[in-house]
Every structure is written in structure tokens, then in C-alpha cells.
Amino acid sequence: MTLAHDIHGNGSPLLLVHGMTLDRRMWDPNLAALAQRHTVVRCDLRGFGATPPPQEPRSHADDLRELLGELGFERAAVCGLSMGGGVALELAIAHPEVVSALVLVDTDLPGVPLDEGLRAAVLPAMQLARAGDIEGARAAWLSTPLFAGSPPDVAAALARIVGDYSFWHPRNPGMQLWLTPPAAERGAEVQAPALVLWGEHDAPLVVSNSERMVRDIAGARGVVLEGAGHMANMDAPAAFDAALLEFLAEVGG
């Protein structure tokens, strides 16, 4: 099954991977700038956006590799935010031959447990989802520190996107396959040139994850986006676009 996706622009391919509870619309603020220089592919992972949930346990990274193959792209630069950053990292580790450049944005590292503060913030949303209160889960999720501080227009866009999410994943544990050993312990295996971006005001755990990847991935470059929170590409789109495009131009991604 092909992941729901859209394609824009011309140039070397760039695959964008969304975060948890979100879908490809989270990249709307960046699409025009990125598509001027790249063939931009935005997709909805299984169970998000317009892509149905899986019928059996699946790996998001394997799905992305299959999508690139179906589209005829031998290699692509891959950029993911939060959960999508973890998926992009797994793709670069498990299928290095298809990743020409790796961009991790406010990344959730597979294998790193939530710290006490973030766990306490997100647990109510997950509990409500598992209890069947999806509207309550959406409200609780949007109130977490991950979305606090975004400008009003960004907050409104996030509310629309999260409002369409079914919370299928927390209600169906075990259907998502991740690498073993986890990607958090395998940054040294990344072969592609890497850029690590994070918002100045993101949660401490996400900042720590980002700094860890800068240390662990050989030659990785770290950039802090001033004034941005967890949704750095939406909070500071111009700075995000500039950093991403400059990096890709330098490494030929």
C-alpha cells in the first residue's frame, strides 16, 4: 500500500516526515520555499492523515523506503520532526542507501524514555485516548508543553490537524515496529551528512536528544532556531527554511 502523499517542485528529492498526531499539512508553511529548489514529497504515515492504519505490525522506516522506490527515487534527503525525526533516523540507519542527507528537527529519539515532566504532560492524553475519549485526548495533547508558546496562527493550524487524528496508535500498542537496538544508541551508524535543528524553547528532553545526535553522528551540524518551540518549522518557518536549504545546497542533498 502506498502512503498518501503529494509532490511539489523540481530538483533533488526531499522527503518530509511529520510528527505524532500530525500529518503532512504541518509542512504547509515551508512548502513554497522548499519546492523552489527541490522535488518535495510529503507523506502521511500509516494511521495518520489520509493513510489507513496498518493491518499488521509495520515499520514506518520500511514504509518510507518503499514509498521512495515506488516514486522512482533511488535516494532522497529526508527531514523529520519529533516522531518523524525518529523515523527519519531509523531510515538512515536501516536503509542508508536511500538517504542522501538527514535532517532531524526537534527529534523524539526511539529508545529514550520520556523524562518525568514530559511524561506527566503527555500521559493524560494517552490515557483518555485508550479510554475512548478522543475529544478529551485531543484537548489534552494540544495543552502539552510540546505546543505551548506557538503563535496563534500556528496553534490554530495544529488544532485543525490534531482534530483530524484518530489516536489509533495509543489505542493499538504493539503495531509499530522500531529498530532493535534502538536508534538512540546507533547515531554513529548514520552515513549521510546530517543537520540537527531544534527550537530554542523546546522541552529540555528534546533539546538533550538533539544535542546527543550532534555528538553521536559524525560531522553532524547543530542549529538552534531562536524563538521557536517544538514545532520549529511552523514557529519560525523562514529561519527553518533557510537553514535547511543552505545545508542541502552545501552537501548536495
Protein backbone atom coordinates (compact mmCIF):
# COMPACT_ATOMS: atom_id res chain seq x y z
CA MET A 1 0.00 0.00 0.00
CA THR A 2 1.36 3.40 -0.98
CA LEU A 3 1.41 6.04 1.75
CA ALA A 4 -0.80 9.04 0.98
CA HIS A 5 1.50 11.74 -0.33
CA ASP A 6 1.86 14.77 -2.56
CA ILE A 7 4.74 16.04 -4.67
CA HIS A 8 5.73 19.63 -5.37
CA GLY A 9 8.52 21.47 -7.16
CA ASN A 10 11.59 20.41 -9.08
CA GLY A 11 15.12 19.46 -8.17
CA SER A 12 16.73 16.84 -5.99
CA PRO A 13 14.18 14.91 -3.90
CA LEU A 14 13.37 15.93 -0.33
CA LEU A 15 11.10 13.72 1.79
CA LEU A 16 9.29 15.38 4.73
CA VAL A 17 8.10 13.25 7.66
CA HIS A 18 5.53 14.59 10.14
CA GLY A 19 5.30 14.26 13.91
CA MET A 20 2.98 12.32 16.22
CA THR A 21 -0.76 13.18 15.93
CA LEU A 22 0.04 15.29 12.86
CA ASP A 23 0.16 14.76 9.10
CA ARG A 24 1.77 16.25 6.00
CA ARG A 25 -0.13 19.52 6.44
CA MET A 26 2.31 20.52 9.17
CA TRP A 27 4.76 21.36 6.36
CA ASP A 28 2.40 23.88 4.71
CA PRO A 29 4.42 26.93 5.90
CA ASN A 30 7.59 25.55 4.29
CA LEU A 31 6.34 24.09 1.04
CA ALA A 32 6.67 27.13 -1.23
CA ALA A 33 10.27 27.87 -0.28
CA LEU A 34 11.45 24.26 -0.33
CA ALA A 35 9.74 23.44 -3.64
CA GLN A 36 11.68 26.20 -5.40
CA ARG A 37 14.83 24.09 -5.17
CA HIS A 38 13.68 20.53 -4.53
CA THR A 39 11.15 17.94 -5.53
CA VAL A 40 9.35 17.86 -2.20
CA VAL A 41 7.48 14.71 -1.18
CA ARG A 42 5.17 14.98 1.82
CA CYS A 43 3.56 11.81 3.11
CA ASP A 44 1.13 10.65 5.78
CA LEU A 45 2.49 7.73 7.79
CA ARG A 46 0.21 4.77 8.46
CA GLY A 47 -2.72 5.75 10.66
CA PHE A 48 -2.17 9.48 10.13
CA GLY A 49 -3.83 11.87 7.70
CA ALA A 50 -5.19 10.10 4.64
CA THR A 51 -3.23 6.85 5.15
CA PRO A 52 -5.17 4.00 6.81
CA PRO A 53 -3.70 2.21 9.85
CA PRO A 54 -1.71 -0.96 9.24
CA GLN A 55 -3.34 -4.39 9.38
CA GLU A 56 -0.24 -5.93 10.93
CA PRO A 57 2.84 -4.60 12.77
CA ARG A 58 4.84 -2.35 10.49
CA SER A 59 7.94 -0.17 10.46
CA HIS A 60 7.49 3.44 9.38
CA ALA A 61 11.07 3.40 8.08
CA ASP A 62 10.33 0.43 5.84
CA ASP A 63 7.22 2.20 4.55
CA LEU A 64 9.28 5.26 3.61
CA ARG A 65 11.83 3.15 1.79
CA GLU A 66 9.03 1.51 -0.18
CA LEU A 67 7.47 4.89 -0.98
CA LEU A 68 10.74 6.25 -2.39
CA GLY A 69 11.07 3.13 -4.52
CA GLU A 70 7.52 3.41 -5.80
CA LEU A 71 8.15 7.02 -6.78
CA GLY A 72 11.35 6.12 -8.61
CA PHE A 73 13.75 7.94 -6.28
CA GLU A 74 16.92 5.98 -5.63
CA ARG A 75 17.97 8.44 -2.93
CA ALA A 76 16.47 11.45 -1.19
CA ALA A 77 17.23 13.94 1.54
CA VAL A 78 14.97 13.07 4.47
CA CYS A 79 13.72 15.58 7.04
CA GLY A 80 11.56 14.62 10.01
CA LEU A 81 10.21 16.44 13.04
CA SER A 82 9.67 14.92 16.51
CA MET A 83 8.42 11.35 15.96
CA GLY A 84 9.15 11.93 12.28
CA GLY A 85 12.74 12.70 13.18
CA GLY A 86 12.99 9.35 14.91
CA VAL A 87 11.54 7.67 11.83
CA ALA A 88 13.98 9.53 9.55
CA LEU A 89 16.85 8.46 11.79
CA GLU A 90 15.72 4.83 11.61
CA LEU A 91 15.53 5.07 7.82
CA ALA A 92 19.10 6.39 7.66
CA ILE A 93 20.30 3.52 9.87
CA ALA A 94 18.27 0.66 8.39
CA HIS A 95 18.39 1.75 4.73
CA PRO A 96 21.40 4.07 4.36
CA GLU A 97 21.49 3.56 0.61
CA VAL A 98 18.33 5.65 0.11
CA VAL A 99 19.23 8.64 2.33
CA SER A 100 21.41 11.29 0.71
CA ALA A 101 21.14 13.72 3.63
CA LEU A 102 19.43 13.57 7.03
CA VAL A 103 17.71 16.44 8.83
CA LEU A 104 16.44 15.86 12.37
CA VAL A 105 14.12 18.52 13.76
CA ASP A 106 13.14 18.63 17.46
CA THR A 107 13.62 14.89 17.39
CA ASP A 108 11.98 12.25 19.55
CA LEU A 109 14.67 9.58 19.82
CA PRO A 110 13.45 5.97 19.72
CA GLY A 111 14.82 4.28 22.82
CA VAL A 112 14.93 7.36 25.05
CA PRO A 113 12.14 7.30 27.66
CA LEU A 114 10.25 10.48 28.43
CA ASP A 115 11.55 12.39 31.42
CA GLU A 116 9.27 12.88 34.40
CA GLY A 117 8.00 16.28 33.33
CA LEU A 118 7.15 15.39 29.74
CA ARG A 119 5.70 12.03 30.72
CA ALA A 120 3.35 13.71 33.18
CA ALA A 121 2.33 16.17 30.46
CA VAL A 122 1.51 13.64 27.71
CA LEU A 123 0.19 10.73 29.79
CA PRO A 124 -3.31 12.22 30.31
CA ALA A 125 -3.86 12.44 26.54
CA MET A 126 -2.80 8.84 26.03
CA GLN A 127 -5.00 7.63 28.90
CA LEU A 128 -8.02 9.48 27.55
CA ALA A 129 -7.43 8.03 24.09
CA ARG A 130 -7.25 4.49 25.44
CA ALA A 131 -10.44 5.11 27.39
CA GLY A 132 -12.20 6.14 24.17
CA ASP A 133 -12.43 9.88 24.92
CA ILE A 134 -10.85 11.09 21.68
CA GLU A 135 -12.01 14.69 22.01
CA GLY A 136 -10.58 14.81 25.50
CA ALA A 137 -7.35 13.29 24.25
CA ARG A 138 -7.04 15.94 21.54
CA ALA A 139 -7.56 18.77 24.03
CA ALA A 140 -5.08 17.28 26.49
CA TRP A 141 -2.48 16.71 23.78
CA LEU A 142 -2.69 20.27 22.49
CA SER A 143 -2.19 21.58 26.04
CA THR A 144 1.18 19.84 26.50
CA PRO A 145 4.46 21.79 26.55
CA LEU A 146 5.18 20.50 23.04
CA PHE A 147 2.69 23.00 21.66
CA ALA A 148 2.87 25.73 24.28
CA GLY A 149 4.09 29.09 23.08
CA SER A 150 3.36 28.67 19.39
CA PRO A 151 1.95 31.78 17.70
CA PRO A 152 -1.87 31.91 17.46
CA ASP A 153 -1.94 31.06 13.76
CA VAL A 154 0.29 28.02 14.36
CA ALA A 155 -1.82 26.94 17.32
CA ALA A 156 -4.94 27.15 15.15
CA ALA A 157 -3.34 25.08 12.39
CA LEU A 158 -2.19 22.46 14.87
CA ALA A 159 -5.68 22.27 16.37
CA ARG A 160 -7.12 21.57 12.92
CA ILE A 161 -4.60 18.83 12.19
CA VAL A 162 -4.80 17.16 15.60
CA GLY A 163 -8.58 17.48 15.35
CA ASP A 164 -8.47 15.02 12.44
CA TYR A 165 -6.24 12.47 14.20
CA SER A 166 -7.96 9.33 15.45
CA PHE A 167 -5.47 8.47 18.22
CA TRP A 168 -5.34 5.00 16.70
CA HIS A 169 -1.73 4.41 17.70
CA PRO A 170 -2.02 4.70 21.50
CA ARG A 171 -5.16 2.55 21.28
CA ASN A 172 -3.29 -0.15 19.33
CA PRO A 173 0.06 -0.70 21.07
CA GLY A 174 2.44 -3.17 19.51
CA MET A 175 1.51 -2.33 15.92
CA GLN A 176 4.51 -0.06 15.45
CA LEU A 177 7.88 -1.75 14.90
CA TRP A 178 11.09 0.06 15.87
CA LEU A 179 14.73 -0.89 15.47
CA THR A 180 16.48 -3.11 17.99
CA PRO A 181 18.86 -1.94 19.41
CA PRO A 182 17.08 1.42 19.34
CA ALA A 183 18.10 4.26 17.07
CA ALA A 184 19.08 6.43 20.03
CA GLU A 185 22.06 4.14 20.58
CA ARG A 186 23.06 3.98 16.91
CA GLY A 187 23.77 7.52 15.81
CA ALA A 188 27.32 6.51 14.92
CA GLU A 189 25.87 4.26 12.18
CA VAL A 190 24.48 7.20 10.20
CA GLN A 191 26.42 7.57 6.97
CA ALA A 192 24.61 10.55 5.47
CA PRO A 193 25.56 14.16 6.17
CA ALA A 194 23.29 15.36 8.97
CA LEU A 195 21.75 18.59 10.19
CA VAL A 196 20.10 18.72 13.61
CA LEU A 197 17.66 21.59 14.23
CA TRP A 198 15.76 22.41 17.39
CA GLY A 199 13.69 25.23 18.77
CA GLU A 200 15.20 27.46 21.43
CA HIS A 201 12.18 26.95 23.69
CA ASP A 202 11.58 23.24 23.14
CA ALA A 203 11.23 20.82 26.06
CA PRO A 204 14.52 20.02 27.84
CA LEU A 205 14.39 16.35 26.81
CA VAL A 206 14.07 17.25 23.12
CA VAL A 207 16.99 19.68 23.41
CA SER A 208 19.02 16.92 25.09
CA ASN A 209 18.08 14.47 22.32
CA SER A 210 19.16 16.96 19.68
CA GLU A 211 22.48 17.69 21.36
CA ARG A 212 23.07 13.94 21.67
CA MET A 213 22.61 13.45 17.93
CA VAL A 214 25.05 16.27 17.17
CA ARG A 215 27.62 14.42 19.29
CA ASP A 216 26.86 10.90 18.05
CA ILE A 217 26.50 11.43 14.28
CA ALA A 218 29.87 12.01 12.66
CA GLY A 219 30.12 15.52 11.25
CA ALA A 220 26.58 16.49 12.27
CA ARG A 221 25.81 20.18 12.43
CA GLY A 222 23.52 21.59 15.12
CA VAL A 223 21.43 24.75 14.72
CA VAL A 224 19.16 26.33 17.34
CA LEU A 225 16.18 28.21 15.89
CA GLU A 226 15.69 31.29 18.03
CA GLY A 227 12.22 32.00 19.33
CA ALA A 228 10.85 28.62 18.23
CA GLY A 229 9.37 25.83 20.31
CA HIS A 230 8.84 22.18 19.49
CA MET A 231 7.12 22.95 16.17
CA ALA A 232 10.16 24.80 14.90
CA ASN A 233 9.27 24.58 11.20
CA MET A 234 5.93 26.25 11.90
CA ASP A 235 7.03 28.64 14.66
CA ALA A 236 9.97 30.03 12.67
CA PRO A 237 9.42 28.97 9.04
CA ALA A 238 11.76 31.47 7.41
CA ALA A 239 14.70 30.54 9.66
CA PHE A 240 13.90 26.85 9.30
CA ASP A 241 13.71 27.03 5.51
CA ALA A 242 16.95 29.00 5.28
CA ALA A 243 18.88 26.57 7.50
CA LEU A 244 17.56 23.52 5.67
CA LEU A 245 18.15 24.89 2.16
CA GLU A 246 21.65 26.13 3.00
CA PHE A 247 22.58 22.70 4.38
CA LEU A 248 21.18 20.80 1.41
CA ALA A 249 22.93 23.13 -1.04
CA GLU A 250 26.26 22.54 0.72
CA VAL A 251 26.00 18.74 0.87
CA GLY A 252 24.27 18.27 -2.46
CA GLY A 253 21.27 16.61 -0.87
